[in-house]
């Protein structure tokens, strides 16, 4: 293999795939990136066996071939090269790749290419096309609620449903639940439902931010999902197991329903959260016409701030995890917040007041008097 290409183009694509390369594996090849040159097509690939990504490279191909190089080292070398043009040449006898740029020369030992797994291909018979922006923005609204606890893998995913003119995504870590429903302008040719790792959808969002394509192609089959954005292809294993029936978790009725300015409440929560440290809860105290947000951390300090709300009835005080409450308010953006409450020990619900289809259920924290 021998190719010549632009250093910045190589660096940008290498940064994308290196995030996917495995950092904890007994198989050395999985910690590498595969560089393939065939015909007029050049690609970079990386995988940790759960998530895989392949991206195109514009290169002048003198000799075809495929190599696997250590991802982090290769990235650091390319980042440090002194000239805008890079030449890469496989030296089979030495089992390394020669990297040339200006007067700089590097020889990087290759990893075992035979240990690098094949990549799943997009299945045209099961593929559907939908607007990439709608899909990615829906995913990012709920991704923060997915669990990071690998002992409960089913909760580390996002339940993705697409059919008709709607995309719906749901995520929960058992302490909070996010649901986002997005209406599409045109009906989908087919539908699917799958529990996709949140990490895969977050990686898709990063890739989409730099892609110029408006349409995303999705193919779901057995235990695999494949996303294609032009020549960029990201695939992921699906998560086995039964995702919780989220509809059963949403209360049917509430004692109090309040409309509050989203930006105002978000700013108050951000400020007062500064004094909610060491697992201290954020206290929301409701009295007729007023909401007081307060926090107190022993040996650090306390804070409180009030804002007007249309609350009527007996005073109510409820506690929430400050980070979780902040996440829900930030997902609502600049719309009004519909806050729905039952009692201090029952979950609270935040809903976007602009009818954008976002719902956020959050479990309360029992408060000490």
Foldseek 3Di string as FASTA:
>chain_A
DKKKAFLVQVLVQLVLQQVAQDPDDPAQLSQWWKWWDDDQWIKIWHHPPFKIKIDTGHIDDPDGDMFTFRSVVVNVVSVPADAGMWMWDQDVVVQWIWIDHPPDIDTTHTGPPVSDDDDDDADVVQKKKAFPVQVLLQLVLAQVAQDPDVVPVLQQWWWWKAFFQKIWIWHHPPQKIKIFIAGHPGGMPGIDIFTFGSVQSVSVSVVVVPAPAGMWMWGDDDQKIWIDGPRMIMMGGTDDDDRDPVVVQDDPAFPDKWWAFLVVVLVQLVVQCVQQPPQWWWKWKDDAQKTKIKTHDPPPGIDIDMDGIHDDDDIAMATFRSVLVNSNSVSLPGAIWIWGHHHNQGWIKTDGPVPRGMIMIGGTDDDDD
